[in-house]
Amino acid sequence: MERYAYTDESGNSGFKLFNSGQDTFWTGTLIAFADVDRKYVSFHKELLAAVGKPELHGNDLGFGGIEKIASRLAWFIREKRFRFYFGRVHKPFLAGSKMFDLAFDSGANPAMPNHAYGLQQLRLLTLMHFIQLLNREDLEEFWDLFQKQEPHQFGELLAKVIPRVGQVPYDERTKTILTDVLTWGSAHPQEILDPFGEGDSPNFVAFSGLFDHLHRLHLETGDTVGSFVHDEQNQFVPYFKIGFELLSRFVGKNHPLAMISDIEEIRSFNCSLVEKPSAQSFGLQLLDVCLWLMRRIIDNNDRPRGGCLVLAQCLRERSWLARFDFANLVSQVEEGTKFVNDLPMTEEDFDRGRKYMREFEEARQSRIAAPS
């Protein structure tokens, strides 16, 4: 069967992560089995009449306005078997993870073992260790220099982090890798500082995260996305269109032992991205209301009552929430650690692993010693 997807964003967006007054950025997607804009015109008019508004927007309606239509919306969502995807990006964490990707990319920094960056579990484990060395001031400084493309300042920032490695309760191997990577990076910042662009924005990170869910939905059900609508009131939509051509066709493996290069083509989409003003889309308006409610509950700890509570419970049943933050990173590392610990390993396997590690370390030391 074909699915219809409607995607929009919520929160102060763009490249300014730290001066917007909001640490989170959200994206939401309504996934339906029918063209919501065409098939449910009469129901849309009914809701507009109930709230006395020309459009449905959560921020405009507030809890009071949503209360007038919440129960009807909950019934409608269940009746039509809608599903929702919500992505929540913690912007300070985004800055830290980007700093990690620049400094620890083994393709640019020879002090980073190739397998430690290429293998998902080891990469996430190293990211978790690195993030805990940073504070808010470091993240703000990095994001500013990254936008301005100042390699000398980047080198100074990495050098400032090095002494902290000896103060944390990590194992000696982890401390060695962190120290070596930061030392080499601080001495060669121009070689690891990539150009800054739209792909580094929380908008694109949140947008990209959606596709993993839609690809998995295809693998679970066989359904394809036959229509993908995005609100046109967004400065990043032109870049989204470029990204859509790749993100909709390829999927990377999400597994503790997956390599960063494990990417395969997939046929989850049979459409292109279409821009549409929210004023002409019931799907986008319905999504806006639900996205506003989810943000208020999760970010503001608001406790809805009455019909809003009914709608919130419905969304919990029909939604999947992806978190791009430190807490989710820790959960991924813990799950990956359990998976690896449960693998059936023989003494021969361990001996083979030790042999490979010696070879990997010899190769790493050779790369570090080679002229830049």
Protein backbone atom coordinates (compact mmCIF):
# COMPACT_ATOMS: atom_id res chain seq x y z
CA MET A 1 0.00 0.00 0.00
CA GLU A 2 0.99 3.61 -0.46
CA ARG A 3 1.46 6.02 2.41
CA TYR A 4 1.10 9.80 2.46
CA ALA A 5 3.57 11.77 4.58
CA TYR A 6 3.25 15.35 5.84
CA THR A 7 6.30 16.89 7.51
CA ASP A 8 6.84 20.12 9.43
CA GLU A 9 9.12 21.61 12.09
CA SER A 10 8.72 23.37 15.41
CA GLY A 11 11.02 25.60 17.42
CA ASN A 12 13.63 28.24 16.72
CA SER A 13 15.74 26.79 13.93
CA GLY A 14 18.67 27.69 11.76
CA PHE A 15 22.36 27.87 12.52
CA LYS A 16 22.17 29.78 15.82
CA LEU A 17 22.08 26.98 18.38
CA PHE A 18 22.74 28.90 21.56
CA ASN A 19 21.02 32.28 21.41
CA SER A 20 17.47 31.27 20.59
CA GLY A 21 16.27 30.60 24.13
CA GLN A 22 15.39 27.02 23.18
CA ASP A 23 17.70 24.03 23.50
CA THR A 24 15.52 21.68 21.48
CA PHE A 25 14.36 21.56 17.89
CA TRP A 26 11.53 19.32 16.73
CA THR A 27 10.31 17.81 13.52
CA GLY A 28 7.09 15.87 13.04
CA THR A 29 5.60 13.69 10.32
CA LEU A 30 2.03 12.50 9.88
CA ILE A 31 1.86 9.19 8.01
CA ALA A 32 -1.52 8.25 6.51
CA PHE A 33 -3.05 5.74 4.12
CA ALA A 34 -4.91 8.45 2.17
CA ASP A 35 -4.44 11.96 0.84
CA VAL A 36 -5.51 13.81 3.99
CA ASP A 37 -5.83 17.15 2.19
CA ARG A 38 -8.29 15.87 -0.41
CA LYS A 39 -10.22 13.12 1.32
CA TYR A 40 -11.11 14.77 4.62
CA VAL A 41 -12.11 18.30 3.55
CA SER A 42 -15.46 18.20 5.34
CA PHE A 43 -13.92 17.05 8.62
CA HIS A 44 -11.32 19.80 8.33
CA LYS A 45 -14.09 22.39 7.93
CA GLU A 46 -15.87 20.93 10.96
CA LEU A 47 -12.78 21.42 13.12
CA LEU A 48 -12.21 24.96 11.85
CA ALA A 49 -15.79 25.87 12.70
CA ALA A 50 -15.39 24.41 16.19
CA VAL A 51 -12.38 26.61 16.99
CA GLY A 52 -13.49 29.62 14.93
CA LYS A 53 -10.18 29.89 13.09
CA PRO A 54 -9.18 29.94 9.40
CA GLU A 55 -6.33 27.47 10.13
CA LEU A 56 -5.36 24.96 12.79
CA HIS A 57 -2.11 25.93 14.52
CA GLY A 58 -1.15 24.71 17.95
CA ASN A 59 0.57 27.89 19.06
CA ASP A 60 -2.45 29.94 18.04
CA LEU A 61 -5.01 27.61 19.59
CA GLY A 62 -3.22 26.79 22.84
CA PHE A 63 -4.65 24.23 25.23
CA GLY A 64 -8.00 26.03 25.30
CA GLY A 65 -8.54 25.93 21.57
CA ILE A 66 -7.22 22.40 21.16
CA GLU A 67 -9.55 21.23 23.95
CA LYS A 68 -12.52 22.04 21.69
CA ILE A 69 -11.40 19.52 19.06
CA ALA A 70 -9.03 17.18 20.92
CA SER A 71 -11.42 14.29 21.49
CA ARG A 72 -12.60 14.40 17.88
CA LEU A 73 -8.98 14.44 16.68
CA ALA A 74 -8.10 11.44 18.85
CA TRP A 75 -11.03 9.49 17.42
CA PHE A 76 -10.09 10.54 13.87
CA ILE A 77 -6.42 9.54 14.26
CA ARG A 78 -7.35 6.08 15.56
CA GLU A 79 -10.15 5.59 13.04
CA LYS A 80 -7.92 6.44 10.06
CA ARG A 81 -4.91 4.55 11.51
CA PHE A 82 -2.58 7.53 11.31
CA ARG A 83 0.94 7.20 12.60
CA PHE A 84 3.32 9.94 13.70
CA TYR A 85 7.06 10.32 13.80
CA PHE A 86 8.52 12.97 16.09
CA GLY A 87 12.20 13.87 16.12
CA ARG A 88 13.68 15.88 19.00
CA VAL A 89 17.18 17.32 18.59
CA HIS A 90 19.03 18.66 21.64
CA LYS A 91 21.01 21.47 20.04
CA PRO A 92 23.96 21.55 22.50
CA PHE A 93 24.38 17.80 21.97
CA LEU A 94 24.31 18.38 18.22
CA ALA A 95 27.24 20.81 18.60
CA GLY A 96 29.19 18.25 20.66
CA SER A 97 28.56 15.42 18.23
CA LYS A 98 29.64 17.60 15.30
CA MET A 99 32.85 18.55 17.14
CA PHE A 100 33.46 14.84 17.65
CA ASP A 101 32.90 14.00 13.99
CA LEU A 102 35.44 16.61 12.93
CA ALA A 103 38.14 15.75 15.46
CA PHE A 104 37.73 11.95 15.56
CA ASP A 105 37.07 11.10 11.92
CA SER A 106 39.74 8.47 11.25
CA GLY A 107 39.83 9.52 7.60
CA ALA A 108 41.17 12.93 8.63
CA ASN A 109 42.85 12.24 11.99
CA PRO A 110 45.39 9.36 11.86
CA ALA A 111 45.44 9.08 15.66
CA MET A 112 41.92 7.66 15.60
CA PRO A 113 41.84 3.89 14.90
CA ASN A 114 39.86 3.16 11.74
CA HIS A 115 37.80 0.44 13.42
CA ALA A 116 37.02 2.66 16.44
CA TYR A 117 35.38 5.24 14.19
CA GLY A 118 33.99 2.90 11.55
CA LEU A 119 32.24 0.42 13.86
CA GLN A 120 28.99 1.78 15.30
CA GLN A 121 29.39 0.53 18.88
CA LEU A 122 32.96 1.77 19.23
CA ARG A 123 32.15 5.11 17.60
CA LEU A 124 29.20 5.72 19.94
CA LEU A 125 31.25 4.65 22.96
CA THR A 126 34.05 7.09 22.07
CA LEU A 127 31.50 9.86 21.43
CA MET A 128 29.97 9.24 24.86
CA HIS A 129 33.39 9.52 26.50
CA PHE A 130 34.31 12.66 24.56
CA ILE A 131 31.04 14.52 25.16
CA GLN A 132 31.54 14.22 28.92
CA LEU A 133 34.80 16.18 28.65
CA LEU A 134 32.97 19.26 27.35
CA ASN A 135 30.96 22.00 29.00
CA ARG A 136 28.44 24.46 27.63
CA GLU A 137 31.08 27.13 27.13
CA ASP A 138 33.16 24.74 24.98
CA LEU A 139 30.15 23.92 22.82
CA GLU A 140 29.28 27.57 22.26
CA GLU A 141 32.90 28.37 21.42
CA PHE A 142 33.11 25.46 18.98
CA TRP A 143 29.89 26.32 17.16
CA ASP A 144 30.98 29.92 16.73
CA LEU A 145 34.43 29.01 15.34
CA PHE A 146 32.94 26.29 13.16
CA GLN A 147 30.64 28.80 11.47
CA LYS A 148 33.46 31.32 11.11
CA GLN A 149 35.90 28.60 9.94
CA GLU A 150 38.73 29.46 12.33
CA PRO A 151 41.12 26.46 12.47
CA HIS A 152 43.61 28.12 14.84
CA GLN A 153 40.88 28.66 17.43
CA PHE A 154 39.70 25.07 16.91
CA GLY A 155 43.20 23.80 17.66
CA GLU A 156 43.32 25.87 20.85
CA LEU A 157 39.96 24.51 21.96
CA LEU A 158 41.05 20.90 21.44
CA ALA A 159 44.28 21.58 23.34
CA LYS A 160 42.25 23.00 26.22
CA VAL A 161 40.33 19.71 26.52
CA ILE A 162 43.42 17.45 26.65
CA PRO A 163 44.25 17.93 30.38
CA ARG A 164 40.71 16.86 31.31
CA VAL A 165 41.29 13.36 29.95
CA GLY A 166 43.53 12.47 32.88
CA GLN A 167 40.86 13.58 35.36
CA VAL A 168 38.09 11.20 34.28
CA PRO A 169 37.64 7.57 35.42
CA TYR A 170 38.08 6.00 31.98
CA ASP A 171 40.19 2.94 31.18
CA GLU A 172 43.77 3.59 30.08
CA ARG A 173 43.18 2.59 26.45
CA THR A 174 40.33 5.09 26.15
CA LYS A 175 42.48 7.81 27.71
CA THR A 176 45.29 7.05 25.28
CA ILE A 177 43.04 7.30 22.23
CA LEU A 178 41.36 10.50 23.44
CA THR A 179 44.70 12.12 24.24
CA ASP A 180 46.33 11.10 20.95
CA VAL A 181 43.37 12.21 18.84
CA LEU A 182 43.05 15.58 20.59
CA THR A 183 46.81 16.15 20.49
CA TRP A 184 47.06 15.46 16.75
CA GLY A 185 43.92 17.47 16.04
CA SER A 186 45.12 20.46 18.05
CA ALA A 187 48.37 20.45 16.05
CA HIS A 188 46.63 20.05 12.66
CA PRO A 189 43.25 21.81 13.00
CA GLN A 190 43.18 22.92 9.36
CA GLU A 191 43.15 19.26 8.29
CA ILE A 192 40.08 18.29 10.34
CA LEU A 193 37.91 21.42 10.13
CA ASP A 194 35.38 20.73 7.38
CA PRO A 195 33.38 23.52 5.67
CA PHE A 196 30.20 24.63 7.44
CA GLY A 197 26.88 24.35 5.64
CA GLU A 198 23.15 23.59 5.70
CA GLY A 199 23.78 19.93 6.49
CA ASP A 200 25.11 20.94 9.92
CA SER A 201 21.85 22.62 10.97
CA PRO A 202 19.45 20.99 13.45
CA ASN A 203 16.87 21.30 10.69
CA PHE A 204 18.70 18.90 8.41
CA VAL A 205 19.74 16.55 11.22
CA ALA A 206 16.10 16.24 12.31
CA PHE A 207 14.96 15.87 8.70
CA SER A 208 17.51 13.10 8.06
CA GLY A 209 16.44 11.14 11.12
CA LEU A 210 12.93 10.75 9.73
CA PHE A 211 14.06 8.53 6.86
CA ASP A 212 15.38 5.74 9.04
CA HIS A 213 11.87 5.37 10.48
CA LEU A 214 10.16 5.44 7.08
CA HIS A 215 12.61 2.88 5.67
CA ARG A 216 11.99 0.57 8.65
CA LEU A 217 8.26 1.01 8.18
CA HIS A 218 8.70 -0.17 4.59
CA LEU A 219 10.72 -3.20 5.72
CA GLU A 220 8.06 -4.08 8.31
CA THR A 221 4.96 -3.65 6.11
CA GLY A 222 6.09 -3.46 2.49
CA ASP A 223 4.30 -0.09 2.19
CA THR A 224 5.89 2.70 0.17
CA VAL A 225 5.64 6.47 0.53
CA GLY A 226 3.73 7.73 -2.51
CA SER A 227 3.49 11.38 -1.43
CA PHE A 228 5.82 13.48 0.73
CA VAL A 229 4.67 17.02 1.59
CA HIS A 230 6.74 19.59 3.49
CA ASP A 231 5.60 23.01 4.67
CA GLU A 232 7.01 25.55 2.20
CA GLN A 233 7.63 28.17 4.90
CA ASN A 234 11.15 26.99 5.60
CA GLN A 235 14.50 28.36 4.42
CA PHE A 236 16.01 24.87 4.31
CA VAL A 237 13.46 23.29 1.96
CA PRO A 238 15.69 23.72 -1.14
CA TYR A 239 18.44 21.82 0.67
CA PHE A 240 15.89 19.25 1.90
CA LYS A 241 14.99 18.55 -1.73
CA ILE A 242 18.62 17.79 -2.55
CA GLY A 243 18.96 15.56 0.52
CA PHE A 244 15.67 13.84 -0.20
CA GLU A 245 17.02 12.37 -3.43
CA LEU A 246 19.64 10.40 -1.46
CA LEU A 247 17.93 9.90 1.90
CA SER A 248 14.84 8.40 0.25
CA ARG A 249 16.88 5.87 -1.75
CA PHE A 250 19.57 4.64 0.64
CA VAL A 251 19.60 3.31 4.18
CA GLY A 252 22.49 2.69 6.54
CA LYS A 253 22.52 -0.28 8.89
CA ASN A 254 21.72 0.48 12.52
CA HIS A 255 23.42 -2.27 14.48
CA PRO A 256 26.19 -2.38 17.13
CA LEU A 257 28.52 -4.18 14.70
CA ALA A 258 27.51 -2.20 11.60
CA MET A 259 30.24 -0.32 9.76
CA ILE A 260 29.77 3.31 8.85
CA SER A 261 30.05 2.27 5.20
CA ASP A 262 27.23 -0.32 5.43
CA ILE A 263 24.74 1.44 3.13
CA GLU A 264 22.32 -0.17 0.74
CA GLU A 265 19.71 0.97 -1.74
CA ILE A 266 16.07 0.59 -0.75
CA ARG A 267 12.75 1.23 -2.51
CA SER A 268 10.72 2.82 0.28
CA PHE A 269 9.66 5.91 -1.72
CA ASN A 270 7.83 6.41 -4.99
CA CYS A 271 7.66 10.19 -5.04
CA SER A 272 9.55 13.46 -4.76
CA LEU A 273 9.39 16.11 -2.05
CA VAL A 274 6.58 18.61 -2.61
CA GLU A 275 6.36 22.03 -0.95
CA LYS A 276 2.95 23.18 0.17
CA PRO A 277 1.69 26.11 2.27
CA SER A 278 0.08 24.97 5.50
CA ALA A 279 -2.99 27.09 4.66
CA GLN A 280 -3.73 24.61 1.86
CA SER A 281 -3.00 21.42 3.79
CA PHE A 282 -5.16 19.80 6.45
CA GLY A 283 -2.39 17.24 6.94
CA LEU A 284 0.16 19.91 7.85
CA GLN A 285 -2.32 21.70 10.14
CA LEU A 286 -3.27 18.50 11.96
CA LEU A 287 0.41 17.72 12.39
CA ASP A 288 1.11 21.22 13.71
CA VAL A 289 -1.44 20.79 16.49
CA CYS A 290 -0.07 17.39 17.51
CA LEU A 291 3.54 18.57 17.33
CA TRP A 292 2.76 21.57 19.54
CA LEU A 293 1.09 19.33 22.11
CA MET A 294 3.99 16.86 22.20
CA ARG A 295 6.53 19.66 22.68
CA ARG A 296 4.57 21.19 25.54
CA ILE A 297 4.30 17.83 27.31
CA ILE A 298 7.91 16.73 26.87
CA ASP A 299 9.86 20.01 26.93
CA ASN A 300 7.66 22.03 29.31
CA ASN A 301 6.36 19.12 31.43
CA ASP A 302 2.81 20.39 30.94
CA ARG A 303 0.08 18.04 32.12
CA PRO A 304 -2.91 18.15 29.78
CA ARG A 305 -6.40 17.40 31.03
CA GLY A 306 -9.75 16.59 29.52
CA GLY A 307 -9.77 16.18 25.76
CA CYS A 308 -6.14 17.24 25.48
CA LEU A 309 -5.19 14.34 27.74
CA VAL A 310 -7.20 11.99 25.51
CA LEU A 311 -5.36 13.31 22.45
CA ALA A 312 -1.98 13.03 24.20
CA GLN A 313 -2.66 9.40 25.10
CA CYS A 314 -3.68 8.73 21.50
CA LEU A 315 -0.42 10.24 20.24
CA ARG A 316 1.60 8.09 22.62
CA GLU A 317 -0.09 5.02 21.17
CA ARG A 318 0.33 6.07 17.55
CA SER A 319 3.75 7.78 17.60
CA TRP A 320 7.44 7.01 17.49
CA LEU A 321 9.78 9.52 19.15
CA ALA A 322 13.43 9.75 18.09
CA ARG A 323 15.72 11.63 20.49
CA PHE A 324 19.05 13.03 19.37
CA ASP A 325 20.53 13.71 22.80
CA PHE A 326 23.03 12.41 25.33
CA ALA A 327 20.52 10.24 27.20
CA ASN A 328 19.65 8.37 24.02
CA LEU A 329 23.35 7.98 23.22
CA VAL A 330 23.92 6.32 26.60
CA SER A 331 20.97 3.98 25.96
CA GLN A 332 22.40 2.98 22.58
CA VAL A 333 25.82 2.28 24.11
CA GLU A 334 24.27 0.18 26.89
CA GLU A 335 22.20 -1.84 24.42
CA GLY A 336 25.23 -2.35 22.19
CA THR A 337 27.38 -3.41 25.13
CA LYS A 338 24.82 -6.02 26.16
CA PHE A 339 24.65 -7.32 22.60
CA VAL A 340 28.44 -7.68 22.37
CA ASN A 341 28.72 -9.26 25.83
CA ASP A 342 26.11 -11.86 24.88
CA LEU A 343 27.98 -12.98 21.76
CA PRO A 344 29.30 -16.55 21.97
CA MET A 345 33.09 -16.09 22.03
CA THR A 346 35.78 -18.76 22.24
CA GLU A 347 39.35 -18.37 23.44
CA GLU A 348 40.43 -18.64 19.81
CA ASP A 349 38.22 -15.64 19.02
CA PHE A 350 39.89 -13.62 21.77
CA ASP A 351 43.36 -14.60 20.57
CA ARG A 352 42.45 -13.58 17.04
CA GLY A 353 41.11 -10.28 18.37
CA ARG A 354 44.30 -9.56 20.29
CA LYS A 355 46.33 -10.24 17.15
CA TYR A 356 44.20 -7.82 15.13
CA MET A 357 44.45 -5.18 17.83
CA ARG A 358 48.24 -5.34 17.78
CA GLU A 359 48.20 -4.94 14.00
CA PHE A 360 45.72 -2.08 14.18
CA GLU A 361 47.84 -0.30 16.78
CA GLU A 362 51.02 -0.69 14.73
CA ALA A 363 49.21 0.78 11.73
CA ARG A 364 47.87 3.66 13.85
CA GLN A 365 51.28 4.54 15.21
CA SER A 366 52.71 4.49 11.69
CA ARG A 367 50.02 6.89 10.50
CA ILE A 368 50.67 9.26 13.42
CA ALA A 369 54.40 9.26 12.71
CA ALA A 370 53.95 9.89 8.97
CA PRO A 371 54.38 13.46 7.70
CA SER A 372 51.08 15.35 7.62
